[in-house]
Amino acid sequence: MAQETTPPQVAATATQTTNDLGGALTLLGTFGPQSKPQALLKLRNGQTETVSRGDQVNGQTVVAIEEGRVALARNGTARWLDMPAPNS
């Protein structure tokens, strides 16, 4: 999973200007070693945030990070946030 550069598709998604990405968070990419993976999220306000397991974002806890998806939990309920489909 480790990468030295940001893939072009991730960089393009991270720099798009939009008012609504279809949800409060958009997963832009996952990276890092399997022992400590990280994810790059785009918030509704357009800011980006790098998160690791255990971090809080928008009132949710990052409980797992896998290639191309992140599990977020709030009030005992977890959901997966997947990478958007290309050209979505």
PDB file of N, CA and C in Angstrom:
ATOM      1  N   MET A   1       0.803  -1.195   0.000  1.00  0.00           N
ATOM      2  CA  MET A   1       0.000   0.000   0.000  1.00  0.00           C
ATOM      3  C   MET A   1       0.847   1.261   0.000  1.00  0.00           C
ATOM      4  N   ALA A   2       2.089   1.195   0.379  1.00  0.00           N
ATOM      5  CA  ALA A   2       2.923   2.388   0.472  1.00  0.00           C
ATOM      6  C   ALA A   2       3.194   2.963  -0.914  1.00  0.00           C
ATOM      7  N   GLN A   3       3.102   4.272  -1.026  1.00  0.00           N
ATOM      8  CA  GLN A   3       3.364   4.974  -2.272  1.00  0.00           C
ATOM      9  C   GLN A   3       4.199   6.195  -1.979  1.00  0.00           C
ATOM     10  N   GLU A   4       5.063   6.561  -2.928  1.00  0.00           N
ATOM     11  CA  GLU A   4       5.875   7.751  -2.749  1.00  0.00           C
ATOM     12  C   GLU A   4       5.207   8.983  -3.336  1.00  0.00           C
ATOM     13  N   THR A   5       4.348   8.793  -4.323  1.00  0.00           N
ATOM     14  CA  THR A   5       3.656   9.932  -4.935  1.00  0.00           C
ATOM     15  C   THR A   5       2.155   9.693  -4.913  1.00  0.00           C
ATOM     16  N   THR A   6       1.414  10.759  -5.016  1.00  0.00           N
ATOM     17  CA  THR A   6      -0.041  10.670  -5.054  1.00  0.00           C
ATOM     18  C   THR A   6      -0.466  10.261  -6.467  1.00  0.00           C
ATOM     19  N   PRO A   7      -1.293   9.214  -6.589  1.00  0.00           N
ATOM     20  CA  PRO A   7      -1.769   8.820  -7.910  1.00  0.00           C
ATOM     21  C   PRO A   7      -2.528   9.979  -8.564  1.00  0.00           C
ATOM     22  N   PRO A   8      -2.413  10.147  -9.881  1.00  0.00           N
ATOM     23  CA  PRO A   8      -3.068  11.267 -10.570  1.00  0.00           C
ATOM     24  C   PRO A   8      -4.570  11.358 -10.303  1.00  0.00           C
ATOM     25  N   GLN A   9      -5.272  10.210 -10.248  1.00  0.00           N
ATOM     26  CA  GLN A   9      -6.714  10.241 -10.015  1.00  0.00           C
ATOM     27  C   GLN A   9      -7.028  10.804  -8.629  1.00  0.00           C
ATOM     28  N   VAL A  10      -6.236  10.438  -7.629  1.00  0.00           N
ATOM     29  CA  VAL A  10      -6.445  10.944  -6.275  1.00  0.00           C
ATOM     30  C   VAL A  10      -6.166  12.440  -6.229  1.00  0.00           C
ATOM     31  N   ALA A  11      -5.071  12.862  -6.852  1.00  0.00           N
ATOM     32  CA  ALA A  11      -4.728  14.286  -6.871  1.00  0.00           C
ATOM     33  C   ALA A  11      -5.812  15.100  -7.565  1.00  0.00           C
ATOM     34  N   ALA A  12      -6.349  14.597  -8.669  1.00  0.00           N
ATOM     35  CA  ALA A  12      -7.403  15.317  -9.392  1.00  0.00           C
ATOM     36  C   ALA A  12      -8.663  15.432  -8.556  1.00  0.00           C
ATOM     37  N   THR A  13      -9.041  14.360  -7.866  1.00  0.00           N
ATOM     38  CA  THR A  13     -10.233  14.395  -7.013  1.00  0.00           C
ATOM     39  C   THR A  13     -10.030  15.349  -5.850  1.00  0.00           C
ATOM     40  N   ALA A  14      -8.846  15.351  -5.280  1.00  0.00           N
ATOM     41  CA  ALA A  14      -8.558  16.197  -4.119  1.00  0.00           C
ATOM     42  C   ALA A  14      -8.579  17.678  -4.464  1.00  0.00           C
ATOM     43  N   THR A  15      -8.384  18.013  -5.724  1.00  0.00           N
ATOM     44  CA  THR A  15      -8.307  19.422  -6.098  1.00  0.00           C
ATOM     45  C   THR A  15      -9.532  19.910  -6.858  1.00  0.00           C
ATOM     46  N   GLN A  16     -10.562  19.078  -6.964  1.00  0.00           N
ATOM     47  CA  GLN A  16     -11.790  19.523  -7.606  1.00  0.00           C
ATOM     48  C   GLN A  16     -12.514  20.527  -6.722  1.00  0.00           C
ATOM     49  N   THR A  17     -13.146  21.499  -7.342  1.00  0.00           N
ATOM     50  CA  THR A  17     -13.963  22.455  -6.605  1.00  0.00           C
ATOM     51  C   THR A  17     -15.418  22.057  -6.769  1.00  0.00           C
ATOM     52  N   THR A  18     -16.091  21.877  -5.647  1.00  0.00           N
ATOM     53  CA  THR A  18     -17.498  21.504  -5.682  1.00  0.00           C
ATOM     54  C   THR A  18     -18.137  21.884  -4.362  1.00  0.00           C
ATOM     55  N   ASN A  19     -19.431  22.073  -4.363  1.00  0.00           N
ATOM     56  CA  ASN A  19     -20.147  22.384  -3.137  1.00  0.00           C
ATOM     57  C   ASN A  19     -20.719  21.136  -2.486  1.00  0.00           C
ATOM     58  N   ASP A  20     -20.865  20.055  -3.247  1.00  0.00           N
ATOM     59  CA  ASP A  20     -21.461  18.848  -2.698  1.00  0.00           C
ATOM     60  C   ASP A  20     -20.850  17.634  -3.363  1.00  0.00           C
ATOM     61  N   LEU A  21     -20.237  16.773  -2.581  1.00  0.00           N
ATOM     62  CA  LEU A  21     -19.653  15.544  -3.100  1.00  0.00           C
ATOM     63  C   LEU A  21     -20.544  14.347  -2.805  1.00  0.00           C
ATOM     64  N   GLY A  22     -21.804  14.603  -2.455  1.00  0.00           N
ATOM     65  CA  GLY A  22     -22.739  13.513  -2.221  1.00  0.00           C
ATOM     66  C   GLY A  22     -22.742  13.014  -0.795  1.00  0.00           C
ATOM     67  N   GLY A  23     -22.020  13.629   0.085  1.00  0.00           N
ATOM     68  CA  GLY A  23     -21.999  13.213   1.476  1.00  0.00           C
ATOM     69  C   GLY A  23     -21.100  14.132   2.278  1.00  0.00           C
ATOM     70  N   ALA A  24     -21.063  13.897   3.572  1.00  0.00           N
ATOM     71  CA  ALA A  24     -20.258  14.747   4.439  1.00  0.00           C
ATOM     72  C   ALA A  24     -18.765  14.491   4.252  1.00  0.00           C
ATOM     73  N   LEU A  25     -18.393  13.285   3.839  1.00  0.00           N
ATOM     74  CA  LEU A  25     -17.001  12.917   3.630  1.00  0.00           C
ATOM     75  C   LEU A  25     -16.835  12.200   2.301  1.00  0.00           C
ATOM     76  N   THR A  26     -15.689  12.409   1.670  1.00  0.00           N
ATOM     77  CA  THR A  26     -15.332  11.666   0.474  1.00  0.00           C
ATOM     78  C   THR A  26     -13.952  11.071   0.696  1.00  0.00           C
ATOM     79  N   LEU A  27     -13.811   9.787   0.454  1.00  0.00           N
ATOM     80  CA  LEU A  27     -12.521   9.128   0.569  1.00  0.00           C
ATOM     81  C   LEU A  27     -11.736   9.368  -0.705  1.00  0.00           C
ATOM     82  N   LEU A  28     -10.590  10.027  -0.583  1.00  0.00           N
ATOM     83  CA  LEU A  28      -9.756  10.332  -1.743  1.00  0.00           C
ATOM     84  C   LEU A  28      -8.694   9.271  -1.985  1.00  0.00           C
ATOM     85  N   GLY A  29      -8.275   8.588  -0.922  1.00  0.00           N
ATOM     86  CA  GLY A  29      -7.265   7.557  -1.097  1.00  0.00           C
ATOM     87  C   GLY A  29      -6.845   6.954   0.224  1.00  0.00           C
ATOM     88  N   THR A  30      -6.233   5.771   0.122  1.00  0.00           N
ATOM     89  CA  THR A  30      -5.652   5.105   1.278  1.00  0.00           C
ATOM     90  C   THR A  30      -4.188   4.851   0.952  1.00  0.00           C
ATOM     91  N   PHE A  31      -3.344   4.884   1.981  1.00  0.00           N
ATOM     92  CA  PHE A  31      -1.918   4.742   1.747  1.00  0.00           C
ATOM     93  C   PHE A  31      -1.215   4.340   3.033  1.00  0.00           C
ATOM     94  N   GLY A  32       0.071   4.058   2.937  1.00  0.00           N
ATOM     95  CA  GLY A  32       0.879   3.713   4.094  1.00  0.00           C
ATOM     96  C   GLY A  32       1.044   2.219   4.230  1.00  0.00           C
ATOM     97  N   PRO A  33       1.867   1.813   5.194  1.00  0.00           N
ATOM     98  CA  PRO A  33       2.097   0.378   5.407  1.00  0.00           C
ATOM     99  C   PRO A  33       0.861  -0.282   6.011  1.00  0.00           C
ATOM    100  N   GLN A  34       0.728  -1.577   5.808  1.00  0.00           N
ATOM    101  CA  GLN A  34      -0.422  -2.295   6.355  1.00  0.00           C
ATOM    102  C   GLN A  34      -0.463  -2.229   7.874  1.00  0.00           C
ATOM    103  N   SER A  35       0.688  -2.051   8.508  1.00  0.00           N
ATOM    104  CA  SER A  35       0.725  -1.977   9.967  1.00  0.00           C
ATOM    105  C   SER A  35       0.204  -0.638  10.496  1.00  0.00           C
ATOM    106  N   LYS A  36       0.195   0.408   9.657  1.00  0.00           N
ATOM    107  CA  LYS A  36      -0.315   1.718  10.075  1.00  0.00           C
ATOM    108  C   LYS A  36      -0.868   2.464   8.857  1.00  0.00           C
ATOM    109  N   PRO A  37      -1.961   1.951   8.285  1.00  0.00           N
ATOM    110  CA  PRO A  37      -2.517   2.612   7.103  1.00  0.00           C
ATOM    111  C   PRO A  37      -3.128   3.962   7.455  1.00  0.00           C
ATOM    112  N   GLN A  38      -3.191   4.834   6.460  1.00  0.00           N
ATOM    113  CA  GLN A  38      -3.818   6.137   6.610  1.00  0.00           C
ATOM    114  C   GLN A  38      -4.767   6.349   5.443  1.00  0.00           C
ATOM    115  N   ALA A  39      -5.633   7.336   5.593  1.00  0.00           N
ATOM    116  CA  ALA A  39      -6.581   7.670   4.537  1.00  0.00           C
ATOM    117  C   ALA A  39      -6.635   9.179   4.389  1.00  0.00           C
ATOM    118  N   LEU A  40      -6.869   9.618   3.166  1.00  0.00           N
ATOM    119  CA  LEU A  40      -7.043  11.036   2.877  1.00  0.00           C
ATOM    120  C   LEU A  40      -8.525  11.266   2.606  1.00  0.00           C
ATOM    121  N   LEU A  41      -9.143  12.104   3.429  1.00  0.00           N
ATOM    122  CA  LEU A  41     -10.571  12.402   3.312  1.00  0.00           C
ATOM    123  C   LEU A  41     -10.764  13.843   2.885  1.00  0.00           C
ATOM    124  N   LYS A  42     -11.794  14.078   2.093  1.00  0.00           N
ATOM    125  CA  LYS A  42     -12.198  15.438   1.754  1.00  0.00           C
ATOM    126  C   LYS A  42     -13.495  15.725   2.495  1.00  0.00           C
ATOM    127  N   LEU A  43     -13.485  16.786   3.293  1.00  0.00           N
ATOM    128  CA  LEU A  43     -14.656  17.182   4.059  1.00  0.00           C
ATOM    129  C   LEU A  43     -15.596  17.994   3.183  1.00  0.00           C
ATOM    130  N   ARG A  44     -16.844  18.120   3.588  1.00  0.00           N
ATOM    131  CA  ARG A  44     -17.834  18.861   2.805  1.00  0.00           C
ATOM    132  C   ARG A  44     -17.395  20.296   2.559  1.00  0.00           C
ATOM    133  N   ASN A  45     -16.657  20.886   3.507  1.00  0.00           N
ATOM    134  CA  ASN A  45     -16.228  22.276   3.350  1.00  0.00           C
ATOM    135  C   ASN A  45     -15.040  22.415   2.400  1.00  0.00           C
ATOM    136  N   GLY A  46     -14.581  21.305   1.809  1.00  0.00           N
ATOM    137  CA  GLY A  46     -13.499  21.345   0.842  1.00  0.00           C
ATOM    138  C   GLY A  46     -12.122  21.089   1.419  1.00  0.00           C
ATOM    139  N   GLN A  47     -11.999  21.096   2.736  1.00  0.00           N
ATOM    140  CA  GLN A  47     -10.707  20.815   3.352  1.00  0.00           C
ATOM    141  C   GLN A  47     -10.402  19.328   3.264  1.00  0.00           C
ATOM    142  N   THR A  48      -9.110  18.998   3.252  1.00  0.00           N
ATOM    143  CA  THR A  48      -8.706  17.597   3.282  1.00  0.00           C
ATOM    144  C   THR A  48      -8.090  17.289   4.636  1.00  0.00           C
ATOM    145  N   GLU A  49      -8.198  16.029   5.034  1.00  0.00           N
ATOM    146  CA  GLU A  49      -7.668  15.599   6.322  1.00  0.00           C
ATOM    147  C   GLU A  49      -7.113  14.188   6.181  1.00  0.00           C
ATOM    148  N   THR A  50      -5.914  13.983   6.700  1.00  0.00           N
ATOM    149  CA  THR A  50      -5.309  12.661   6.737  1.00  0.00           C
ATOM    150  C   THR A  50      -5.644  12.036   8.086  1.00  0.00           C
ATOM    151  N   VAL A  51      -6.166  10.805   8.056  1.00  0.00           N
ATOM    152  CA  VAL A  51      -6.594  10.138   9.289  1.00  0.00           C
ATOM    153  C   VAL A  51      -5.973   8.756   9.406  1.00  0.00           C
ATOM    154  N   SER A  52      -5.882   8.301  10.650  1.00  0.00           N
ATOM    155  CA  SER A  52      -5.422   6.956  10.985  1.00  0.00           C
ATOM    156  C   SER A  52      -6.481   6.307  11.864  1.00  0.00           C
ATOM    157  N   ARG A  53      -6.324   5.013  12.103  1.00  0.00           N
ATOM    158  CA  ARG A  53      -7.266   4.297  12.967  1.00  0.00           C
ATOM    159  C   ARG A  53      -7.305   4.962  14.343  1.00  0.00           C
ATOM    160  N   GLY A  54      -8.524   5.176  14.854  1.00  0.00           N
ATOM    161  CA  GLY A  54      -8.708   5.804  16.154  1.00  0.00           C
ATOM    162  C   GLY A  54      -8.966   7.295  16.088  1.00  0.00           C
ATOM    163  N   ASP A  55      -8.690   7.933  14.942  1.00  0.00           N
ATOM    164  CA  ASP A  55      -8.929   9.371  14.799  1.00  0.00           C
ATOM    165  C   ASP A  55     -10.421   9.670  14.733  1.00  0.00           C
ATOM    166  N   GLN A  56     -10.778  10.888  15.124  1.00  0.00           N
ATOM    167  CA  GLN A  56     -12.156  11.376  15.051  1.00  0.00           C
ATOM    168  C   GLN A  56     -12.276  12.329  13.862  1.00  0.00           C
ATOM    169  N   VAL A  57     -13.346  12.188  13.105  1.00  0.00           N
ATOM    170  CA  VAL A  57     -13.629  13.100  11.999  1.00  0.00           C
ATOM    171  C   VAL A  57     -15.143  13.235  11.874  1.00  0.00           C
ATOM    172  N   ASN A  58     -15.632  14.462  11.895  1.00  0.00           N
ATOM    173  CA  ASN A  58     -17.072  14.730  11.795  1.00  0.00           C
ATOM    174  C   ASN A  58     -17.886  13.920  12.799  1.00  0.00           C
ATOM    175  N   GLY A  59     -17.381  13.766  14.016  1.00  0.00           N
ATOM    176  CA  GLY A  59     -18.109  13.050  15.054  1.00  0.00           C
ATOM    177  C   GLY A  59     -18.094  11.541  14.913  1.00  0.00           C
ATOM    178  N   GLN A  60     -17.261  11.027  14.018  1.00  0.00           N
ATOM    179  CA  GLN A  60     -17.154   9.592  13.801  1.00  0.00           C
ATOM    180  C   GLN A  60     -15.731   9.149  14.105  1.00  0.00           C
ATOM    181  N   THR A  61     -15.582   7.888  14.503  1.00  0.00           N
ATOM    182  CA  THR A  61     -14.264   7.329  14.789  1.00  0.00           C
ATOM    183  C   THR A  61     -13.837   6.436  13.633  1.00  0.00           C
ATOM    184  N   VAL A  62     -12.605   6.604  13.179  1.00  0.00           N
ATOM    185  CA  VAL A  62     -12.040   5.725  12.152  1.00  0.00           C
ATOM    186  C   VAL A  62     -11.689   4.411  12.850  1.00  0.00           C
ATOM    187  N   VAL A  63     -12.379   3.327  12.475  1.00  0.00           N
ATOM    188  CA  VAL A  63     -12.167   2.039  13.136  1.00  0.00           C
ATOM    189  C   VAL A  63     -11.361   1.056  12.289  1.00  0.00           C
ATOM    190  N   ALA A  64     -11.277   1.296  10.986  1.00  0.00           N
ATOM    191  CA  ALA A  64     -10.481   0.425  10.117  1.00  0.00           C
ATOM    192  C   ALA A  64     -10.175   1.157   8.818  1.00  0.00           C
ATOM    193  N   ILE A  65      -9.018   0.830   8.251  1.00  0.00           N
ATOM    194  CA  ILE A  65      -8.638   1.358   6.942  1.00  0.00           C
ATOM    195  C   ILE A  65      -8.119   0.189   6.124  1.00  0.00           C
ATOM    196  N   GLU A  66      -8.741  -0.029   4.982  1.00  0.00           N
ATOM    197  CA  GLU A  66      -8.318  -1.053   4.033  1.00  0.00           C
ATOM    198  C   GLU A  66      -8.076  -0.358   2.702  1.00  0.00           C
ATOM    199  N   GLU A  67      -7.463  -1.045   1.775  1.00  0.00           N
ATOM    200  CA  GLU A  67      -7.201  -0.448   0.476  1.00  0.00           C
ATOM    201  C   GLU A  67      -8.523  -0.039  -0.188  1.00  0.00           C
ATOM    202  N   GLY A  68      -8.679   1.262  -0.403  1.00  0.00           N
ATOM    203  CA  GLY A  68      -9.856   1.777  -1.088  1.00  0.00           C
ATOM    204  C   GLY A  68     -11.093   1.984  -0.240  1.00  0.00           C
ATOM    205  N   ARG A  69     -10.997   1.771   1.096  1.00  0.00           N
ATOM    206  CA  ARG A  69     -12.165   2.006   1.936  1.00  0.00           C
ATOM    207  C   ARG A  69     -11.766   2.231   3.395  1.00  0.00           C
ATOM    208  N   VAL A  70     -12.673   2.909   4.105  1.00  0.00           N
ATOM    209  CA  VAL A  70     -12.466   3.266   5.509  1.00  0.00           C
ATOM    210  C   VAL A  70     -13.741   2.944   6.271  1.00  0.00           C
ATOM    211  N   ALA A  71     -13.610   2.342   7.459  1.00  0.00           N
ATOM    212  CA  ALA A  71     -14.769   2.083   8.315  1.00  0.00           C
ATOM    213  C   ALA A  71     -14.850   3.185   9.362  1.00  0.00           C
ATOM    214  N   LEU A  72     -16.040   3.790   9.464  1.00  0.00           N
ATOM    215  CA  LEU A  72     -16.306   4.858  10.426  1.00  0.00           C
ATOM    216  C   LEU A  72     -17.421   4.413  11.356  1.00  0.00           C
ATOM    217  N   ALA A  73     -17.300   4.739  12.650  1.00  0.00           N
ATOM    218  CA  ALA A  73     -18.316   4.341  13.627  1.00  0.00           C
ATOM    219  C   ALA A  73     -18.793   5.551  14.410  1.00  0.00           C
ATOM    220  N   ARG A  74     -20.096   5.524  14.716  1.00  0.00           N
ATOM    221  CA  ARG A  74     -20.719   6.547  15.564  1.00  0.00           C
ATOM    222  C   ARG A  74     -21.841   5.870  16.331  1.00  0.00           C
ATOM    223  N   ASN A  75     -21.873   6.079  17.645  1.00  0.00           N
ATOM    224  CA  ASN A  75     -22.933   5.528  18.499  1.00  0.00           C
ATOM    225  C   ASN A  75     -23.121   4.022  18.310  1.00  0.00           C
ATOM    226  N   GLY A  76     -22.024   3.292  18.180  1.00  0.00           N
ATOM    227  CA  GLY A  76     -22.097   1.843  18.074  1.00  0.00           C
ATOM    228  C   GLY A  76     -22.451   1.306  16.705  1.00  0.00           C
ATOM    229  N   THR A  77     -22.608   2.186  15.712  1.00  0.00           N
ATOM    230  CA  THR A  77     -22.928   1.749  14.352  1.00  0.00           C
ATOM    231  C   THR A  77     -21.772   2.107  13.426  1.00  0.00           C
ATOM    232  N   ALA A  78     -21.302   1.115  12.671  1.00  0.00           N
ATOM    233  CA  ALA A  78     -20.198   1.339  11.734  1.00  0.00           C
ATOM    234  C   ALA A  78     -20.704   1.298  10.306  1.00  0.00           C
ATOM    235  N   ARG A  79     -20.018   2.031   9.452  1.00  0.00           N
ATOM    236  CA  ARG A  79     -20.321   2.007   8.013  1.00  0.00           C
ATOM    237  C   ARG A  79     -19.021   2.136   7.252  1.00  0.00           C
ATOM    238  N   TRP A  80     -18.995   1.591   6.045  1.00  0.00           N
ATOM    239  CA  TRP A  80     -17.814   1.696   5.189  1.00  0.00           C
ATOM    240  C   TRP A  80     -17.969   2.889   4.264  1.00  0.00           C
ATOM    241  N   LEU A  81     -16.908   3.642   4.128  1.00  0.00           N
ATOM    242  CA  LEU A  81     -16.824   4.744   3.178  1.00  0.00           C
ATOM    243  C   LEU A  81     -15.860   4.281   2.086  1.00  0.00           C
ATOM    244  N   ASP A  82     -16.368   4.121   0.858  1.00  0.00           N
ATOM    245  CA  ASP A  82     -15.575   3.615  -0.253  1.00  0.00           C
ATOM    246  C   ASP A  82     -15.101   4.751  -1.142  1.00  0.00           C
ATOM    247  N   MET A  83     -14.052   4.478  -1.898  1.00  0.00           N
ATOM    248  CA  MET A  83     -13.575   5.435  -2.896  1.00  0.00           C
ATOM    249  C   MET A  83     -14.692   5.657  -3.914  1.00  0.00           C
ATOM    250  N   PRO A  84     -14.841   6.895  -4.404  1.00  0.00           N
ATOM    251  CA  PRO A  84     -15.847   7.125  -5.445  1.00  0.00           C
ATOM    252  C   PRO A  84     -15.407   6.452  -6.746  1.00  0.00           C
ATOM    253  N   ALA A  85     -16.379   6.083  -7.542  1.00  0.00           N
ATOM    254  CA  ALA A  85     -16.086   5.484  -8.840  1.00  0.00           C
ATOM    255  C   ALA A  85     -15.421   6.530  -9.730  1.00  0.00           C
ATOM    256  N   PRO A  86     -14.529   6.114 -10.641  1.00  0.00           N
ATOM    257  CA  PRO A  86     -13.906   7.076 -11.556  1.00  0.00           C
ATOM    258  C   PRO A  86     -14.972   7.854 -12.324  1.00  0.00           C
ATOM    259  N   ASN A  87     -14.711   9.135 -12.512  1.00  0.00           N
ATOM    260  CA  ASN A  87     -15.611  10.026 -13.258  1.00  0.00           C
ATOM    261  C   ASN A  87     -16.979  10.182 -12.605  1.00  0.00           C
ATOM    262  N   SER A  88     -17.029  10.049 -11.251  1.00  0.00           N
ATOM    263  CA  SER A  88     -18.322  10.220 -10.589  1.00  0.00           C
ATOM    264  C   SER A  88     -18.484  11.637 -10.092  1.00  0.00           C
TER     265      SER A  88
END
